[in-house]
Amino acid sequence: MAIQAPDVNRIVAPDGTVDERAAPDLSGSAVEDLYRLQVLARTFDEKAVKLHRQGRIGTYAPLQGQEAAQVGAAYALAESDYCFPTYRDHAMYLARGLPLEDVLVYLLGEGNYVDREDPADLRTFPPAIPIATQLPHAVGVGMAADYKGDDCAALVSFGDGATSEGDFHEGMNFAGVFDAPTVFFCQNNQWAISVPRERQTASATIAQKAHAYGFDGVRVDGNDVLAVYGAVRDALDAAKNGEGPRLIEAVTYRQGAHTTTDDPSKYRDDEEVAEWAEKDPVDRTREYLEDAHGWTDTDEDHLREWADDRVAEAVVAAEERTGLDADDIFEHVYAQTPEKLRRQREQVPENPEVER
């Protein structure tokens, strides 16, 4: 007999009402920050999809529906904590303070979200495209920080599909054995491209997988930004206090396509999408702000105008950047350039021309 999945931990209900007893200690301005970041991420996401359709950026992974999960998790990080996002986590980068222009520059094929002016203090890592490969990296960084006695932890983000990869199990096992201060943050958006969650695992939940590796798992409503923030903050605090790793399963939903080259109508029905749209994280946070903090229609109009302007300005600034130099292809790969790579660089024409 299959074990039934338990209810998720929730603070803000879909109608915006809140359980004050469980709510984290956040000021009204902090909750407004959480909402602003979600709205900015949604506005950017909608623009990025249009930019792809116009041929102005490459393949893009939409995040609509996962704003609360990404913003809530990243907002809980201290400046000294490490963050290992995945390819859909654009909102995490925004919440970590990276300029929107840099995110767009990455999508234009130049740059990789990382400020290399100070590589010795790298805290937010580039997005991992291969599935789950960043999990062992995050465990290793957490272990290194522990050995050095640093007061920090590592957060690694991934999707439900990543739990079928060997890297997931290897990372979890190492973290459990060595009590690594690493928080595993799974955004369970119900679909790994066209594969539903129930075809990924026979476990009732993803969170319960943590028990096999000797640490706790928590299942949280991923569309509830306060619940996500609270769960991640508690897990980070525990990790820094020597209590080891924790797995958080944020139950959410990818409202759009897996990428802009995907057609989700081929594998899921409109009724499912509409059901999850009723639980939209951005709408939920706004309703909470209206009920608990007096958010008004005027506030909303100003925020939407601000988000539209920021995204428009970032697009202009990103597209005005100069193109890559040939040397950039060969940099940041090796500390000392091997002879074979040096010869390859010498063979690259300085001003290549393409015959049409």
Protein backbone atom coordinates (compact mmCIF):
# COMPACT_ATOMS: atom_id res chain seq x y z
CA MET A 1 0.00 0.00 0.00
CA ALA A 2 1.37 3.41 -0.97
CA ILE A 3 1.98 5.91 1.82
CA GLN A 4 -0.16 9.01 1.44
CA ALA A 5 1.70 12.30 1.13
CA PRO A 6 1.22 14.54 4.18
CA ASP A 7 -0.12 18.06 3.86
CA VAL A 8 2.43 20.75 3.13
CA ASN A 9 3.44 23.32 5.72
CA ARG A 10 1.62 26.57 4.95
CA ILE A 11 1.43 30.04 6.49
CA VAL A 12 -0.45 32.08 3.87
CA ALA A 13 -3.60 30.39 2.54
CA PRO A 14 -4.59 30.71 -1.13
CA ASP A 15 -7.09 33.43 -0.17
CA GLY A 16 -4.34 35.52 1.44
CA THR A 17 -5.28 34.87 5.07
CA VAL A 18 -2.32 34.08 7.33
CA ASP A 19 -1.58 31.86 10.31
CA GLU A 20 0.07 34.44 12.56
CA ARG A 21 1.29 31.75 14.98
CA ALA A 22 3.48 30.20 12.28
CA ALA A 23 4.49 33.38 10.46
CA PRO A 24 8.21 34.28 10.51
CA ASP A 25 9.24 37.49 12.21
CA LEU A 26 9.27 39.77 9.19
CA SER A 27 8.42 43.46 9.07
CA GLY A 28 5.86 44.87 6.69
CA SER A 29 8.65 46.39 4.58
CA ALA A 30 10.37 43.00 4.35
CA VAL A 31 7.15 41.38 3.10
CA GLU A 32 6.83 44.19 0.57
CA ASP A 33 10.39 43.42 -0.57
CA LEU A 34 9.41 39.79 -1.07
CA TYR A 35 6.44 40.90 -3.17
CA ARG A 36 8.46 43.42 -5.22
CA LEU A 37 11.00 40.75 -6.09
CA GLN A 38 8.24 38.37 -7.18
CA VAL A 39 6.61 41.02 -9.36
CA LEU A 40 9.97 41.97 -10.88
CA ALA A 41 10.69 38.31 -11.60
CA ARG A 42 7.25 37.81 -13.20
CA THR A 43 7.64 40.96 -15.31
CA PHE A 44 11.12 39.91 -16.42
CA ASP A 45 9.92 36.38 -17.17
CA GLU A 46 7.11 37.59 -19.43
CA LYS A 47 9.54 39.88 -21.26
CA ALA A 48 12.13 37.12 -21.67
CA VAL A 49 9.59 34.84 -23.36
CA LYS A 50 8.79 37.66 -25.82
CA LEU A 51 12.50 38.30 -26.44
CA HIS A 52 12.97 34.66 -27.38
CA ARG A 53 10.01 34.74 -29.76
CA GLN A 54 11.54 37.83 -31.38
CA GLY A 55 14.85 36.02 -31.82
CA ARG A 56 16.68 38.38 -29.45
CA ILE A 57 17.75 35.74 -26.88
CA GLY A 58 18.33 32.01 -27.03
CA THR A 59 16.32 29.23 -25.45
CA TYR A 60 14.81 30.39 -22.18
CA ALA A 61 13.45 28.47 -19.16
CA PRO A 62 10.34 30.28 -17.84
CA LEU A 63 9.82 30.50 -14.08
CA GLN A 64 6.19 31.66 -13.89
CA GLY A 65 4.50 30.04 -10.90
CA GLN A 66 7.76 29.48 -9.00
CA GLU A 67 8.44 33.08 -7.93
CA ALA A 68 7.59 32.54 -4.26
CA ALA A 69 9.80 29.45 -4.00
CA GLN A 70 12.82 31.14 -5.53
CA VAL A 71 12.47 34.54 -3.85
CA GLY A 72 11.59 33.10 -0.45
CA ALA A 73 14.58 30.76 -0.46
CA ALA A 74 17.13 33.31 -1.66
CA TYR A 75 15.82 36.00 0.71
CA ALA A 76 16.57 33.73 3.66
CA LEU A 77 20.28 33.56 2.76
CA ALA A 78 22.81 35.64 4.64
CA GLU A 79 25.29 37.58 2.54
CA SER A 80 28.02 35.12 3.55
CA ASP A 81 26.00 32.03 2.57
CA TYR A 82 26.65 30.17 -0.67
CA CYS A 83 23.96 29.73 -3.33
CA PHE A 84 23.92 27.13 -6.12
CA PRO A 85 20.96 27.85 -8.42
CA THR A 86 19.78 25.93 -11.44
CA TYR A 87 18.88 27.12 -14.94
CA ARG A 88 15.34 28.28 -14.08
CA ASP A 89 16.29 30.24 -10.98
CA HIS A 90 16.44 33.74 -12.46
CA ALA A 91 14.50 35.13 -9.48
CA MET A 92 17.11 33.75 -7.10
CA TYR A 93 19.77 35.86 -8.78
CA LEU A 94 17.58 38.95 -8.51
CA ALA A 95 16.94 38.26 -4.82
CA ARG A 96 20.69 37.86 -4.30
CA GLY A 97 21.17 41.37 -5.64
CA LEU A 98 22.57 40.66 -9.09
CA PRO A 99 21.62 43.36 -11.61
CA LEU A 100 18.79 42.47 -13.97
CA GLU A 101 21.02 43.57 -16.85
CA ASP A 102 23.53 40.83 -15.97
CA VAL A 103 20.81 38.19 -16.11
CA LEU A 104 19.86 39.39 -19.59
CA VAL A 105 23.48 39.54 -20.72
CA TYR A 106 23.78 35.87 -19.80
CA LEU A 107 20.69 35.07 -21.89
CA LEU A 108 22.24 37.01 -24.76
CA GLY A 109 25.18 34.61 -24.67
CA GLU A 110 27.69 36.79 -22.86
CA GLY A 111 28.59 36.41 -19.21
CA ASN A 112 27.41 33.85 -16.67
CA TYR A 113 25.78 35.74 -13.77
CA VAL A 114 29.10 35.85 -11.90
CA ASP A 115 31.02 38.98 -11.01
CA ARG A 116 34.56 37.87 -11.71
CA GLU A 117 36.09 41.07 -10.36
CA ASP A 118 36.38 39.34 -6.99
CA PRO A 119 36.55 35.58 -7.69
CA ALA A 120 38.03 34.95 -4.25
CA ASP A 121 34.70 35.89 -2.66
CA LEU A 122 32.35 34.03 -4.98
CA ARG A 123 29.10 33.28 -3.13
CA THR A 124 26.45 32.90 -5.85
CA PHE A 125 27.44 30.39 -8.49
CA PRO A 126 26.55 30.21 -12.20
CA PRO A 127 23.42 28.27 -13.16
CA ALA A 128 23.87 24.53 -13.59
CA ILE A 129 22.45 23.29 -16.89
CA PRO A 130 23.22 19.53 -16.53
CA ILE A 131 20.67 18.12 -14.14
CA ALA A 132 21.80 17.79 -10.49
CA THR A 133 25.53 18.29 -11.10
CA GLN A 134 25.59 21.25 -8.70
CA LEU A 135 24.49 19.17 -5.68
CA PRO A 136 27.87 17.54 -4.95
CA HIS A 137 29.52 20.94 -5.50
CA ALA A 138 27.31 22.53 -2.85
CA VAL A 139 28.06 19.73 -0.41
CA GLY A 140 31.79 20.15 -1.02
CA VAL A 141 31.62 23.89 -0.44
CA GLY A 142 29.58 23.32 2.72
CA MET A 143 32.12 20.81 3.99
CA ALA A 144 35.00 23.18 3.20
CA ALA A 145 33.28 26.03 5.05
CA ASP A 146 32.78 23.71 8.03
CA TYR A 147 36.45 22.69 8.04
CA LYS A 148 37.49 26.34 7.94
CA GLY A 149 35.14 27.26 10.76
CA ASP A 150 33.20 29.78 8.64
CA ASP A 151 29.80 30.88 9.92
CA CYS A 152 27.90 30.09 6.73
CA ALA A 153 25.95 27.40 4.91
CA ALA A 154 25.29 26.39 1.30
CA LEU A 155 21.88 26.31 -0.38
CA VAL A 156 21.48 24.24 -3.54
CA SER A 157 18.36 24.48 -5.69
CA PHE A 158 17.07 21.83 -8.09
CA GLY A 159 13.88 20.41 -9.59
CA ASP A 160 11.98 17.21 -8.89
CA GLY A 161 13.54 15.57 -11.94
CA ALA A 162 16.99 15.97 -10.38
CA THR A 163 16.04 13.48 -7.66
CA SER A 164 16.32 10.69 -10.26
CA GLU A 165 19.97 11.52 -10.93
CA GLY A 166 22.93 9.85 -9.25
CA ASP A 167 24.36 13.25 -8.28
CA PHE A 168 21.34 13.81 -6.02
CA HIS A 169 21.95 10.60 -4.08
CA GLU A 170 25.71 11.07 -3.94
CA GLY A 171 25.33 14.62 -2.66
CA MET A 172 22.71 13.62 -0.08
CA ASN A 173 24.82 10.70 1.10
CA PHE A 174 27.98 12.75 1.54
CA ALA A 175 26.06 15.51 3.30
CA GLY A 176 24.52 13.03 5.73
CA VAL A 177 27.76 11.21 6.47
CA PHE A 178 29.82 14.36 7.01
CA ASP A 179 27.08 16.58 8.51
CA ALA A 180 27.71 19.17 5.80
CA PRO A 181 26.02 22.54 6.42
CA THR A 182 24.09 22.23 3.17
CA VAL A 183 20.39 22.88 2.53
CA PHE A 184 18.91 20.92 -0.38
CA PHE A 185 16.06 22.96 -1.87
CA CYS A 186 13.86 21.01 -4.29
CA GLN A 187 11.36 23.01 -6.30
CA ASN A 188 8.86 20.27 -7.03
CA ASN A 189 7.03 21.87 -9.94
CA GLN A 190 5.27 18.58 -10.79
CA TRP A 191 6.92 18.07 -14.20
CA ALA A 192 10.45 17.16 -15.32
CA ILE A 193 9.90 18.39 -18.87
CA SER A 194 7.10 15.94 -19.86
CA VAL A 195 7.59 13.43 -17.03
CA PRO A 196 5.16 13.86 -14.09
CA ARG A 197 6.34 13.59 -10.51
CA GLU A 198 4.69 10.22 -9.97
CA ARG A 199 6.91 8.77 -12.72
CA GLN A 200 10.04 10.10 -10.99
CA THR A 201 9.61 8.28 -7.70
CA ALA A 202 7.30 5.89 -5.86
CA SER A 203 7.93 7.80 -2.62
CA ALA A 204 4.90 9.63 -1.29
CA THR A 205 7.05 12.76 -1.00
CA ILE A 206 10.46 13.94 -2.04
CA ALA A 207 11.08 15.33 1.45
CA GLN A 208 11.01 11.88 3.01
CA LYS A 209 14.03 10.82 0.96
CA ALA A 210 16.19 12.70 3.46
CA HIS A 211 15.53 10.07 6.13
CA ALA A 212 17.44 7.45 4.14
CA TYR A 213 20.54 9.62 4.47
CA GLY A 214 20.19 10.37 8.16
CA PHE A 215 18.74 13.88 8.24
CA ASP A 216 15.40 15.68 8.24
CA GLY A 217 13.18 16.53 5.30
CA VAL A 218 10.51 19.23 5.27
CA ARG A 219 7.59 19.62 2.86
CA VAL A 220 6.43 23.20 2.37
CA ASP A 221 3.91 25.04 0.18
CA GLY A 222 6.17 26.46 -2.52
CA ASN A 223 3.59 29.08 -3.51
CA ASP A 224 3.65 30.55 0.01
CA VAL A 225 6.61 32.92 0.15
CA LEU A 226 6.49 33.23 3.96
CA ALA A 227 6.47 29.46 4.45
CA VAL A 228 9.40 29.01 2.07
CA TYR A 229 11.37 31.79 3.71
CA GLY A 230 10.73 30.38 7.18
CA ALA A 231 11.64 26.80 6.24
CA VAL A 232 14.86 27.80 4.51
CA ARG A 233 15.86 30.21 7.27
CA ASP A 234 15.33 27.52 9.91
CA ALA A 235 17.33 24.99 7.86
CA LEU A 236 20.20 27.43 7.35
CA ASP A 237 20.28 28.30 11.05
CA ALA A 238 20.34 24.63 11.96
CA ALA A 239 23.15 23.94 9.51
CA LYS A 240 25.25 26.77 10.92
CA ASN A 241 24.63 25.49 14.44
CA GLY A 242 26.18 22.14 13.59
CA GLU A 243 22.90 20.25 13.14
CA GLY A 244 23.80 19.05 9.65
CA PRO A 245 21.94 19.19 6.34
CA ARG A 246 18.22 19.35 5.58
CA LEU A 247 16.08 18.65 2.51
CA ILE A 248 13.21 21.04 1.73
CA GLU A 249 10.57 20.07 -0.80
CA ALA A 250 8.78 23.20 -2.02
CA VAL A 251 5.56 22.03 -3.68
CA THR A 252 4.84 24.41 -6.54
CA TYR A 253 3.96 24.39 -10.25
CA ARG A 254 5.56 25.44 -13.50
CA GLN A 255 2.74 27.39 -15.15
CA GLY A 256 4.53 27.81 -18.46
CA ALA A 257 6.63 25.63 -20.70
CA HIS A 258 9.76 23.79 -19.62
CA THR A 259 11.64 26.01 -22.06
CA THR A 260 10.62 28.22 -24.95
CA THR A 261 11.24 25.23 -27.27
CA ASP A 262 8.71 23.07 -25.40
CA ASP A 263 4.96 22.60 -25.92
CA PRO A 264 3.41 21.62 -22.56
CA SER A 265 -0.02 21.11 -24.13
CA LYS A 266 1.32 17.81 -25.48
CA TYR A 267 1.60 16.27 -22.02
CA ARG A 268 -0.70 18.13 -19.57
CA ASP A 269 -4.25 19.40 -19.75
CA ASP A 270 -5.69 22.89 -19.37
CA GLU A 271 -7.71 21.89 -16.29
CA GLU A 272 -4.53 21.11 -14.36
CA VAL A 273 -2.93 24.41 -15.34
CA ALA A 274 -6.08 26.34 -14.38
CA GLU A 275 -6.24 24.59 -11.00
CA TRP A 276 -2.70 25.66 -10.14
CA ALA A 277 -3.26 29.17 -11.51
CA GLU A 278 -5.80 29.60 -8.70
CA LYS A 279 -2.88 29.12 -6.28
CA ASP A 280 -0.68 31.71 -8.03
CA PRO A 281 2.11 32.81 -5.66
CA VAL A 282 2.21 36.44 -6.78
CA ASP A 283 -1.54 36.86 -6.32
CA ARG A 284 -1.37 35.19 -2.92
CA THR A 285 1.32 37.52 -1.63
CA ARG A 286 -0.57 40.57 -2.85
CA GLU A 287 -3.76 39.43 -1.10
CA TYR A 288 -1.79 38.95 2.10
CA LEU A 289 -0.28 42.44 1.80
CA GLU A 290 -3.72 43.94 1.27
CA ASP A 291 -5.18 42.18 4.30
CA ALA A 292 -2.26 42.52 6.71
CA HIS A 293 -0.31 45.60 5.63
CA GLY A 294 -2.75 47.91 3.88
CA TRP A 295 -1.42 47.47 0.35
CA THR A 296 -3.50 49.57 -2.04
CA ASP A 297 -4.29 49.69 -5.75
CA THR A 298 -2.10 52.80 -5.96
CA ASP A 299 0.79 50.88 -4.42
CA GLU A 300 0.21 48.13 -6.97
CA ASP A 301 0.15 50.53 -9.91
CA HIS A 302 3.42 52.15 -8.80
CA LEU A 303 5.07 48.76 -8.36
CA ARG A 304 3.99 47.50 -11.77
CA GLU A 305 5.20 50.68 -13.43
CA TRP A 306 8.54 50.40 -11.60
CA ALA A 307 8.95 46.76 -12.67
CA ASP A 308 8.09 47.54 -16.31
CA ASP A 309 10.60 50.41 -16.35
CA ARG A 310 13.38 48.35 -14.75
CA VAL A 311 12.95 45.51 -17.20
CA ALA A 312 12.81 47.86 -20.20
CA GLU A 313 15.95 49.70 -19.07
CA ALA A 314 17.78 46.42 -18.47
CA VAL A 315 16.95 45.15 -21.97
CA VAL A 316 18.32 48.32 -23.57
CA ALA A 317 21.48 48.25 -21.45
CA ALA A 318 22.11 44.54 -22.07
CA GLU A 319 21.66 44.79 -25.84
CA GLU A 320 24.02 47.76 -26.00
CA ARG A 321 26.90 45.76 -24.50
CA THR A 322 29.77 44.99 -26.85
CA GLY A 323 30.16 41.46 -28.15
CA LEU A 324 32.54 38.83 -26.88
CA ASP A 325 36.19 38.89 -27.81
CA ALA A 326 37.85 35.70 -29.04
CA ASP A 327 40.00 35.64 -25.89
CA ASP A 328 36.86 35.30 -23.75
CA ILE A 329 36.27 31.81 -25.14
CA PHE A 330 39.51 30.61 -23.59
CA GLU A 331 39.46 32.45 -20.27
CA HIS A 332 38.21 31.16 -16.90
CA VAL A 333 38.79 27.52 -17.86
CA TYR A 334 42.24 26.77 -16.46
CA ALA A 335 44.39 28.57 -13.92
CA GLN A 336 47.32 28.05 -16.31
CA THR A 337 46.47 27.72 -19.98
CA PRO A 338 47.63 24.35 -21.34
CA GLU A 339 49.74 24.28 -24.50
CA LYS A 340 46.99 22.64 -26.54
CA LEU A 341 44.52 25.41 -25.69
CA ARG A 342 47.14 28.08 -26.38
CA ARG A 343 47.68 26.64 -29.88
CA GLN A 344 43.93 26.63 -30.49
CA ARG A 345 43.75 30.30 -29.57
CA GLU A 346 46.52 31.12 -32.02
CA GLN A 347 44.50 29.50 -34.79
CA VAL A 348 41.47 31.76 -34.25
CA PRO A 349 41.42 34.61 -36.81
CA GLU A 350 41.45 38.07 -35.29
CA ASN A 351 38.67 39.33 -37.58
CA PRO A 352 36.81 36.28 -38.84
CA GLU A 353 34.38 36.76 -41.70
CA VAL A 354 31.56 34.40 -42.57
CA GLU A 355 30.83 33.86 -46.26
CA ARG A 356 27.17 34.17 -47.09
